[in-house]
Amino acid sequence: MIEVLFFARIREQLGIGSLQLAWDGSIDTVESLVQSLVADRGPKWGDTLQADNVVVAVNQQVCDKHKNLVAGDEIAFFPPVTGG
């Protein structure tokens, strides 16, 4: 099982805060996870998750979309953080 979390604007755009997905080993990177979600849920998911400024974290560590995934991982997608 992997847990996928969506925060802030991304959660609002997709209309969901989290997903739990069965782990079968075929989704082995963040990029393959995104491709699977887009194939299953439609182009709106692609527009949202494949935007250039989306930040991804695996197990609470920011990473790129080439990060390998294993069963039990927590993957989070969130917009860039700004300060003021």
N, C-alpha and C. Protein backbone atom coordinates (compact mmCIF):
# COMPACT_ATOMS: atom_id res chain seq x y z
N MET A 1 0.85 -1.17 0.00
CA MET A 1 0.00 0.00 0.00
C MET A 1 0.90 1.24 0.00
N ILE A 2 0.52 2.24 -0.76
CA ILE A 2 1.16 3.55 -0.69
C ILE A 2 0.07 4.58 -0.42
N GLU A 3 0.44 5.65 0.24
CA GLU A 3 -0.50 6.73 0.52
C GLU A 3 -0.08 7.95 -0.27
N VAL A 4 -1.05 8.56 -0.95
CA VAL A 4 -0.79 9.73 -1.77
C VAL A 4 -1.60 10.89 -1.18
N LEU A 5 -0.90 11.98 -0.88
CA LEU A 5 -1.53 13.15 -0.27
C LEU A 5 -1.49 14.34 -1.21
N PHE A 6 -2.54 15.14 -1.17
CA PHE A 6 -2.63 16.34 -1.99
C PHE A 6 -2.93 17.53 -1.08
N PHE A 7 -2.18 18.62 -1.24
CA PHE A 7 -2.31 19.76 -0.35
C PHE A 7 -2.69 21.04 -1.10
N ALA A 8 -3.36 21.93 -0.36
CA ALA A 8 -3.66 23.30 -0.78
C ALA A 8 -4.37 23.32 -2.13
N ARG A 9 -3.85 24.12 -3.05
CA ARG A 9 -4.49 24.31 -4.37
C ARG A 9 -4.65 22.99 -5.12
N ILE A 10 -3.70 22.09 -4.98
CA ILE A 10 -3.78 20.81 -5.68
C ILE A 10 -4.97 20.00 -5.16
N ARG A 11 -5.14 19.98 -3.85
CA ARG A 11 -6.30 19.30 -3.26
C ARG A 11 -7.60 19.91 -3.77
N GLU A 12 -7.65 21.23 -3.85
CA GLU A 12 -8.86 21.90 -4.34
C GLU A 12 -9.12 21.58 -5.80
N GLN A 13 -8.08 21.57 -6.64
CA GLN A 13 -8.26 21.30 -8.06
C GLN A 13 -8.71 19.87 -8.32
N LEU A 14 -8.18 18.92 -7.54
CA LEU A 14 -8.52 17.52 -7.76
C LEU A 14 -9.76 17.08 -6.98
N GLY A 15 -10.14 17.85 -5.96
CA GLY A 15 -11.32 17.51 -5.18
C GLY A 15 -11.11 16.33 -4.25
N ILE A 16 -9.85 16.09 -3.86
CA ILE A 16 -9.55 14.96 -2.98
C ILE A 16 -8.28 15.28 -2.18
N GLY A 17 -8.25 14.84 -0.94
CA GLY A 17 -7.10 15.11 -0.09
C GLY A 17 -6.09 13.98 -0.01
N SER A 18 -6.57 12.74 -0.22
CA SER A 18 -5.65 11.62 -0.14
C SER A 18 -6.21 10.39 -0.83
N LEU A 19 -5.31 9.50 -1.18
CA LEU A 19 -5.64 8.21 -1.78
C LEU A 19 -4.76 7.15 -1.14
N GLN A 20 -5.29 5.97 -0.98
CA GLN A 20 -4.47 4.82 -0.63
C GLN A 20 -4.54 3.86 -1.80
N LEU A 21 -3.38 3.49 -2.30
CA LEU A 21 -3.31 2.64 -3.48
C LEU A 21 -2.62 1.33 -3.15
N ALA A 22 -3.15 0.26 -3.68
CA ALA A 22 -2.51 -1.05 -3.51
C ALA A 22 -1.14 -1.02 -4.20
N TRP A 23 -0.19 -1.66 -3.60
CA TRP A 23 1.16 -1.69 -4.15
C TRP A 23 1.36 -3.00 -4.91
N ASP A 24 1.65 -2.89 -6.21
CA ASP A 24 1.92 -4.10 -6.98
C ASP A 24 3.29 -4.07 -7.63
N GLY A 25 4.08 -3.04 -7.36
CA GLY A 25 5.43 -2.95 -7.90
C GLY A 25 5.53 -2.31 -9.27
N SER A 26 4.41 -2.18 -9.99
CA SER A 26 4.48 -1.59 -11.33
C SER A 26 4.63 -0.07 -11.27
N ILE A 27 4.23 0.53 -10.19
CA ILE A 27 4.43 1.96 -9.98
C ILE A 27 5.69 2.10 -9.15
N ASP A 28 6.82 2.30 -9.83
CA ASP A 28 8.09 2.24 -9.12
C ASP A 28 8.78 3.59 -8.96
N THR A 29 8.21 4.64 -9.56
CA THR A 29 8.76 5.99 -9.40
C THR A 29 7.60 6.97 -9.23
N VAL A 30 7.92 8.17 -8.79
CA VAL A 30 6.89 9.20 -8.69
C VAL A 30 6.29 9.46 -10.07
N GLU A 31 7.12 9.51 -11.10
CA GLU A 31 6.63 9.76 -12.45
C GLU A 31 5.65 8.68 -12.90
N SER A 32 5.95 7.42 -12.63
CA SER A 32 5.02 6.36 -13.02
C SER A 32 3.74 6.43 -12.21
N LEU A 33 3.81 6.90 -10.97
CA LEU A 33 2.61 7.13 -10.17
C LEU A 33 1.74 8.19 -10.83
N VAL A 34 2.35 9.30 -11.22
CA VAL A 34 1.59 10.37 -11.88
C VAL A 34 0.96 9.86 -13.17
N GLN A 35 1.71 9.14 -13.97
CA GLN A 35 1.18 8.60 -15.23
C GLN A 35 0.00 7.67 -14.96
N SER A 36 0.09 6.85 -13.95
CA SER A 36 -1.00 5.95 -13.60
C SER A 36 -2.25 6.72 -13.15
N LEU A 37 -2.04 7.75 -12.32
CA LEU A 37 -3.18 8.55 -11.86
C LEU A 37 -3.86 9.27 -13.02
N VAL A 38 -3.06 9.79 -13.95
CA VAL A 38 -3.63 10.47 -15.12
C VAL A 38 -4.41 9.48 -15.98
N ALA A 39 -3.86 8.30 -16.20
CA ALA A 39 -4.54 7.29 -17.01
C ALA A 39 -5.86 6.86 -16.37
N ASP A 40 -5.86 6.73 -15.05
CA ASP A 40 -7.06 6.28 -14.34
C ASP A 40 -8.09 7.38 -14.13
N ARG A 41 -7.64 8.62 -13.95
CA ARG A 41 -8.54 9.67 -13.48
C ARG A 41 -8.74 10.82 -14.45
N GLY A 42 -7.97 10.87 -15.53
CA GLY A 42 -8.24 11.84 -16.58
C GLY A 42 -7.27 13.00 -16.68
N PRO A 43 -7.44 13.79 -17.75
CA PRO A 43 -6.49 14.84 -18.08
C PRO A 43 -6.40 15.96 -17.04
N LYS A 44 -7.45 16.22 -16.29
CA LYS A 44 -7.38 17.25 -15.25
C LYS A 44 -6.27 16.90 -14.25
N TRP A 45 -6.13 15.61 -13.96
CA TRP A 45 -5.07 15.17 -13.05
C TRP A 45 -3.70 15.44 -13.66
N GLY A 46 -3.57 15.23 -14.96
CA GLY A 46 -2.30 15.51 -15.63
C GLY A 46 -1.97 16.98 -15.60
N ASP A 47 -2.96 17.82 -15.91
CA ASP A 47 -2.74 19.26 -15.88
C ASP A 47 -2.28 19.72 -14.51
N THR A 48 -2.84 19.13 -13.47
CA THR A 48 -2.52 19.53 -12.10
C THR A 48 -1.19 18.96 -11.62
N LEU A 49 -1.01 17.66 -11.74
CA LEU A 49 0.17 17.01 -11.17
C LEU A 49 1.44 17.17 -12.01
N GLN A 50 1.28 17.45 -13.31
CA GLN A 50 2.45 17.59 -14.17
C GLN A 50 2.87 19.04 -14.38
N ALA A 51 2.23 19.96 -13.66
CA ALA A 51 2.63 21.37 -13.75
C ALA A 51 4.07 21.52 -13.29
N ASP A 52 4.80 22.44 -13.90
CA ASP A 52 6.23 22.62 -13.62
C ASP A 52 6.53 22.98 -12.17
N ASN A 53 5.61 23.65 -11.51
CA ASN A 53 5.91 24.15 -10.18
C ASN A 53 5.41 23.25 -9.04
N VAL A 54 4.91 22.06 -9.35
CA VAL A 54 4.43 21.15 -8.31
C VAL A 54 5.63 20.59 -7.55
N VAL A 55 5.53 20.60 -6.22
CA VAL A 55 6.57 20.05 -5.36
C VAL A 55 6.12 18.66 -4.93
N VAL A 56 7.05 17.72 -4.94
CA VAL A 56 6.76 16.34 -4.55
C VAL A 56 7.66 15.97 -3.38
N ALA A 57 7.07 15.28 -2.41
CA ALA A 57 7.85 14.75 -1.30
C ALA A 57 7.51 13.28 -1.11
N VAL A 58 8.52 12.48 -0.85
CA VAL A 58 8.33 11.07 -0.51
C VAL A 58 8.83 10.89 0.91
N ASN A 59 7.92 10.40 1.75
CA ASN A 59 8.25 10.22 3.17
C ASN A 59 8.79 11.51 3.79
N GLN A 60 8.12 12.61 3.43
CA GLN A 60 8.38 13.95 3.97
C GLN A 60 9.73 14.53 3.58
N GLN A 61 10.31 14.04 2.49
CA GLN A 61 11.54 14.61 1.95
C GLN A 61 11.29 15.01 0.50
N VAL A 62 11.52 16.29 0.20
CA VAL A 62 11.30 16.79 -1.15
C VAL A 62 12.23 16.03 -2.10
N CYS A 63 11.69 15.68 -3.27
CA CYS A 63 12.46 14.91 -4.24
C CYS A 63 11.99 15.27 -5.64
N ASP A 64 12.65 14.67 -6.64
CA ASP A 64 12.19 14.86 -8.01
C ASP A 64 11.30 13.69 -8.41
N LYS A 65 10.79 13.75 -9.62
CA LYS A 65 9.82 12.74 -10.06
C LYS A 65 10.48 11.42 -10.46
N HIS A 66 11.80 11.36 -10.37
CA HIS A 66 12.51 10.11 -10.68
C HIS A 66 12.75 9.27 -9.43
N LYS A 67 12.31 9.76 -8.29
CA LYS A 67 12.50 9.06 -7.01
C LYS A 67 11.82 7.70 -7.06
N ASN A 68 12.55 6.67 -6.65
CA ASN A 68 11.98 5.32 -6.59
C ASN A 68 11.00 5.20 -5.43
N LEU A 69 9.97 4.41 -5.62
CA LEU A 69 8.95 4.18 -4.61
C LEU A 69 8.96 2.72 -4.18
N VAL A 70 8.59 2.49 -2.94
CA VAL A 70 8.44 1.13 -2.41
C VAL A 70 7.16 1.08 -1.60
N ALA A 71 6.70 -0.12 -1.31
CA ALA A 71 5.50 -0.30 -0.50
C ALA A 71 5.66 0.44 0.82
N GLY A 72 4.59 1.10 1.25
CA GLY A 72 4.59 1.83 2.50
C GLY A 72 4.96 3.29 2.38
N ASP A 73 5.39 3.72 1.20
CA ASP A 73 5.77 5.12 1.03
C ASP A 73 4.56 6.05 1.13
N GLU A 74 4.84 7.27 1.56
CA GLU A 74 3.86 8.36 1.56
C GLU A 74 4.36 9.38 0.54
N ILE A 75 3.54 9.67 -0.46
CA ILE A 75 3.90 10.60 -1.51
C ILE A 75 2.98 11.80 -1.38
N ALA A 76 3.55 13.00 -1.33
CA ALA A 76 2.76 14.22 -1.18
C ALA A 76 3.03 15.16 -2.33
N PHE A 77 1.95 15.76 -2.83
CA PHE A 77 2.03 16.76 -3.89
C PHE A 77 1.51 18.08 -3.33
N PHE A 78 2.30 19.15 -3.51
CA PHE A 78 1.83 20.45 -3.04
C PHE A 78 2.41 21.55 -3.90
N PRO A 79 1.71 22.70 -3.90
CA PRO A 79 2.22 23.83 -4.68
C PRO A 79 3.45 24.42 -4.00
N PRO A 80 4.22 25.22 -4.73
CA PRO A 80 5.40 25.84 -4.11
C PRO A 80 4.97 26.71 -2.93
N VAL A 81 5.84 26.74 -1.93
CA VAL A 81 5.58 27.55 -0.74
C VAL A 81 6.19 28.91 -0.95
N THR A 82 5.44 29.94 -0.61
CA THR A 82 5.96 31.29 -0.72
C THR A 82 5.97 31.93 0.66
N GLY A 83 6.83 32.85 0.84
CA GLY A 83 6.93 33.55 2.12
C GLY A 83 6.71 35.03 1.93
N GLY A 84 6.65 35.73 3.01
CA GLY A 84 6.42 37.14 2.87
C GLY A 84 6.91 37.96 3.99
